[in-house]
Amino acid sequence: MSAYPSDAHLIQFLQDELSVSALEIAIVLRQRQTDHDPLPMLLWQYGLVTLDQLNQIFDWLESRTHSVFLASIPITVTLLS
């Protein structure tokens, strides 16, 4: 399981919550040099999201990362008699 949300989840967030169009996302994805180029930063550099929106994206990514991380931790519960 990846420690970070997939691009598909991020793209869904961008479209649903920040109203970034599919065309704008496609433009940035074509300009990516590698899969590791940060999509949020590229969107901001191209002027497709504001600094406030960039912060919203990072907050969302952080919350998703913590959720994925916490879900992957095995928990053992011992019941006391």
N, C-alpha and C. Protein backbone atom coordinates (compact mmCIF):
# COMPACT_ATOMS: atom_id res chain seq x y z
N MET A 1 0.85 -1.19 0.00
CA MET A 1 0.00 0.00 0.00
C MET A 1 0.89 1.24 0.00
N SER A 2 0.61 2.17 -0.84
CA SER A 2 1.37 3.40 -0.92
C SER A 2 1.14 4.27 0.30
N ALA A 3 2.17 5.00 0.70
CA ALA A 3 2.05 5.89 1.84
C ALA A 3 1.37 7.20 1.46
N TYR A 4 1.22 7.45 0.19
CA TYR A 4 0.64 8.69 -0.28
C TYR A 4 -0.59 8.42 -1.14
N PRO A 5 -1.52 9.37 -1.13
CA PRO A 5 -2.71 9.19 -1.97
C PRO A 5 -2.30 9.09 -3.43
N SER A 6 -3.01 8.29 -4.17
CA SER A 6 -2.71 8.15 -5.60
C SER A 6 -3.09 9.42 -6.33
N ASP A 7 -2.52 9.57 -7.53
CA ASP A 7 -2.89 10.72 -8.35
C ASP A 7 -4.38 10.73 -8.63
N ALA A 8 -4.98 9.56 -8.77
CA ALA A 8 -6.42 9.50 -9.06
C ALA A 8 -7.22 10.13 -7.92
N HIS A 9 -6.85 9.83 -6.67
CA HIS A 9 -7.54 10.44 -5.53
C HIS A 9 -7.29 11.94 -5.47
N LEU A 10 -6.05 12.33 -5.73
CA LEU A 10 -5.71 13.75 -5.72
C LEU A 10 -6.48 14.49 -6.82
N ILE A 11 -6.52 13.92 -8.00
CA ILE A 11 -7.23 14.55 -9.12
C ILE A 11 -8.72 14.69 -8.80
N GLN A 12 -9.28 13.67 -8.19
CA GLN A 12 -10.69 13.74 -7.80
C GLN A 12 -10.92 14.88 -6.81
N PHE A 13 -10.01 15.02 -5.84
CA PHE A 13 -10.09 16.12 -4.87
C PHE A 13 -9.98 17.47 -5.59
N LEU A 14 -9.02 17.59 -6.49
CA LEU A 14 -8.82 18.85 -7.21
C LEU A 14 -10.07 19.25 -7.98
N GLN A 15 -10.70 18.29 -8.63
CA GLN A 15 -11.89 18.59 -9.42
C GLN A 15 -13.10 18.85 -8.54
N ASP A 16 -13.30 18.03 -7.52
CA ASP A 16 -14.50 18.15 -6.69
C ASP A 16 -14.44 19.33 -5.73
N GLU A 17 -13.31 19.53 -5.09
CA GLU A 17 -13.21 20.53 -4.02
C GLU A 17 -12.67 21.88 -4.49
N LEU A 18 -11.79 21.87 -5.48
CA LEU A 18 -11.15 23.12 -5.90
C LEU A 18 -11.55 23.55 -7.31
N SER A 19 -12.40 22.76 -7.95
CA SER A 19 -12.91 23.08 -9.29
C SER A 19 -11.80 23.27 -10.33
N VAL A 20 -10.73 22.49 -10.20
CA VAL A 20 -9.69 22.48 -11.23
C VAL A 20 -10.23 21.60 -12.36
N SER A 21 -10.19 22.12 -13.57
CA SER A 21 -10.78 21.38 -14.69
C SER A 21 -9.89 20.21 -15.13
N ALA A 22 -10.52 19.26 -15.80
CA ALA A 22 -9.79 18.11 -16.34
C ALA A 22 -8.75 18.58 -17.36
N LEU A 23 -9.07 19.61 -18.12
CA LEU A 23 -8.13 20.15 -19.11
C LEU A 23 -6.90 20.73 -18.42
N GLU A 24 -7.11 21.50 -17.36
CA GLU A 24 -5.97 22.08 -16.63
C GLU A 24 -5.08 20.99 -16.05
N ILE A 25 -5.69 19.96 -15.51
CA ILE A 25 -4.92 18.85 -14.94
C ILE A 25 -4.16 18.13 -16.05
N ALA A 26 -4.80 17.92 -17.19
CA ALA A 26 -4.15 17.24 -18.32
C ALA A 26 -2.93 18.02 -18.81
N ILE A 27 -3.06 19.34 -18.86
CA ILE A 27 -1.94 20.18 -19.30
C ILE A 27 -0.74 19.98 -18.38
N VAL A 28 -0.99 20.01 -17.08
CA VAL A 28 0.10 19.86 -16.11
C VAL A 28 0.69 18.46 -16.17
N LEU A 29 -0.16 17.45 -16.30
CA LEU A 29 0.34 16.08 -16.37
C LEU A 29 1.24 15.87 -17.59
N ARG A 30 0.92 16.54 -18.69
CA ARG A 30 1.78 16.42 -19.89
C ARG A 30 3.13 17.09 -19.68
N GLN A 31 3.17 18.10 -18.81
CA GLN A 31 4.41 18.83 -18.57
C GLN A 31 5.31 18.16 -17.53
N ARG A 32 4.76 17.20 -16.81
CA ARG A 32 5.53 16.49 -15.79
C ARG A 32 6.73 15.79 -16.43
N GLN A 33 7.89 15.93 -15.80
CA GLN A 33 9.09 15.25 -16.28
C GLN A 33 9.13 13.81 -15.78
N THR A 34 8.71 13.61 -14.53
CA THR A 34 8.68 12.27 -13.94
C THR A 34 7.41 12.13 -13.11
N ASP A 35 7.10 10.90 -12.71
CA ASP A 35 5.94 10.66 -11.84
C ASP A 35 6.15 11.27 -10.46
N HIS A 36 7.40 11.60 -10.14
CA HIS A 36 7.69 12.14 -8.82
C HIS A 36 7.58 13.67 -8.77
N ASP A 37 7.39 14.30 -9.91
CA ASP A 37 7.18 15.75 -9.91
C ASP A 37 5.87 16.04 -9.18
N PRO A 38 5.91 16.93 -8.19
CA PRO A 38 4.71 17.16 -7.37
C PRO A 38 3.61 17.91 -8.14
N LEU A 39 2.53 17.22 -8.38
CA LEU A 39 1.41 17.79 -9.11
C LEU A 39 0.91 19.10 -8.49
N PRO A 40 0.75 19.17 -7.15
CA PRO A 40 0.28 20.44 -6.57
C PRO A 40 1.19 21.62 -6.88
N MET A 41 2.50 21.41 -6.81
CA MET A 41 3.43 22.50 -7.10
C MET A 41 3.37 22.91 -8.56
N LEU A 42 3.23 21.94 -9.45
CA LEU A 42 3.12 22.27 -10.87
C LEU A 42 1.85 23.07 -11.16
N LEU A 43 0.75 22.69 -10.53
CA LEU A 43 -0.50 23.44 -10.70
C LEU A 43 -0.31 24.89 -10.25
N TRP A 44 0.37 25.07 -9.14
CA TRP A 44 0.61 26.42 -8.61
C TRP A 44 1.56 27.19 -9.53
N GLN A 45 2.64 26.54 -9.98
CA GLN A 45 3.60 27.21 -10.86
C GLN A 45 2.96 27.67 -12.16
N TYR A 46 2.00 26.91 -12.65
CA TYR A 46 1.30 27.28 -13.88
C TYR A 46 0.15 28.25 -13.62
N GLY A 47 -0.05 28.64 -12.37
CA GLY A 47 -1.09 29.60 -12.04
C GLY A 47 -2.49 29.01 -12.06
N LEU A 48 -2.59 27.69 -11.94
CA LEU A 48 -3.89 27.03 -12.01
C LEU A 48 -4.54 26.87 -10.65
N VAL A 49 -3.77 27.05 -9.59
CA VAL A 49 -4.32 27.11 -8.23
C VAL A 49 -3.65 28.27 -7.51
N THR A 50 -4.37 28.85 -6.57
CA THR A 50 -3.83 29.94 -5.77
C THR A 50 -2.98 29.38 -4.63
N LEU A 51 -2.29 30.26 -3.94
CA LEU A 51 -1.50 29.83 -2.78
C LEU A 51 -2.40 29.25 -1.70
N ASP A 52 -3.57 29.85 -1.51
CA ASP A 52 -4.53 29.30 -0.54
C ASP A 52 -4.99 27.90 -0.95
N GLN A 53 -5.25 27.71 -2.23
CA GLN A 53 -5.65 26.39 -2.71
C GLN A 53 -4.51 25.38 -2.56
N LEU A 54 -3.29 25.84 -2.80
CA LEU A 54 -2.13 24.97 -2.63
C LEU A 54 -2.04 24.50 -1.18
N ASN A 55 -2.28 25.40 -0.25
CA ASN A 55 -2.29 25.02 1.17
C ASN A 55 -3.40 24.02 1.47
N GLN A 56 -4.57 24.21 0.85
CA GLN A 56 -5.67 23.25 1.02
C GLN A 56 -5.27 21.87 0.50
N ILE A 57 -4.57 21.85 -0.62
CA ILE A 57 -4.11 20.58 -1.19
C ILE A 57 -3.14 19.90 -0.23
N PHE A 58 -2.19 20.66 0.30
CA PHE A 58 -1.22 20.07 1.23
C PHE A 58 -1.90 19.58 2.51
N ASP A 59 -2.89 20.33 2.99
CA ASP A 59 -3.65 19.87 4.17
C ASP A 59 -4.37 18.56 3.86
N TRP A 60 -4.98 18.48 2.69
CA TRP A 60 -5.69 17.25 2.29
C TRP A 60 -4.70 16.09 2.17
N LEU A 61 -3.56 16.34 1.52
CA LEU A 61 -2.55 15.28 1.38
C LEU A 61 -2.07 14.80 2.74
N GLU A 62 -1.84 15.74 3.64
CA GLU A 62 -1.38 15.37 4.98
C GLU A 62 -2.42 14.52 5.70
N SER A 63 -3.68 14.89 5.60
CA SER A 63 -4.73 14.13 6.28
C SER A 63 -4.86 12.73 5.66
N ARG A 64 -4.72 12.63 4.35
CA ARG A 64 -4.80 11.33 3.68
C ARG A 64 -3.60 10.46 4.04
N THR A 65 -2.43 11.07 4.12
CA THR A 65 -1.22 10.32 4.46
C THR A 65 -1.33 9.75 5.85
N HIS A 66 -1.81 10.55 6.80
CA HIS A 66 -1.98 10.05 8.17
C HIS A 66 -3.01 8.94 8.22
N SER A 67 -4.10 9.08 7.47
CA SER A 67 -5.14 8.05 7.46
C SER A 67 -4.60 6.73 6.93
N VAL A 68 -3.85 6.80 5.84
CA VAL A 68 -3.28 5.58 5.25
C VAL A 68 -2.27 4.97 6.20
N PHE A 69 -1.44 5.81 6.82
CA PHE A 69 -0.43 5.32 7.74
C PHE A 69 -1.07 4.65 8.94
N LEU A 70 -2.06 5.30 9.53
CA LEU A 70 -2.71 4.74 10.71
C LEU A 70 -3.45 3.46 10.38
N ALA A 71 -4.03 3.38 9.21
CA ALA A 71 -4.77 2.18 8.81
C ALA A 71 -3.84 1.00 8.60
N SER A 72 -2.55 1.27 8.36
CA SER A 72 -1.62 0.18 8.09
C SER A 72 -0.92 -0.34 9.35
N ILE A 73 -1.18 0.28 10.50
CA ILE A 73 -0.56 -0.15 11.75
C ILE A 73 -1.38 -1.27 12.36
N PRO A 74 -0.76 -2.44 12.56
CA PRO A 74 -1.51 -3.53 13.20
C PRO A 74 -1.76 -3.21 14.67
N ILE A 75 -2.95 -3.49 15.12
CA ILE A 75 -3.31 -3.21 16.51
C ILE A 75 -3.71 -4.52 17.17
N THR A 76 -3.12 -4.77 18.33
CA THR A 76 -3.46 -5.96 19.10
C THR A 76 -4.18 -5.51 20.36
N VAL A 77 -5.32 -6.11 20.61
CA VAL A 77 -6.10 -5.78 21.80
C VAL A 77 -6.12 -6.99 22.71
N THR A 78 -5.75 -6.77 23.96
CA THR A 78 -5.79 -7.85 24.95
C THR A 78 -6.90 -7.54 25.93
N LEU A 79 -7.83 -8.46 26.05
CA LEU A 79 -8.94 -8.28 26.99
C LEU A 79 -8.54 -8.87 28.34
N LEU A 80 -8.75 -8.10 29.37
CA LEU A 80 -8.44 -8.56 30.72
C LEU A 80 -9.68 -9.18 31.35
N SER A 81 -9.51 -10.29 32.04
CA SER A 81 -10.66 -10.96 32.67
C SER A 81 -10.96 -10.35 34.01
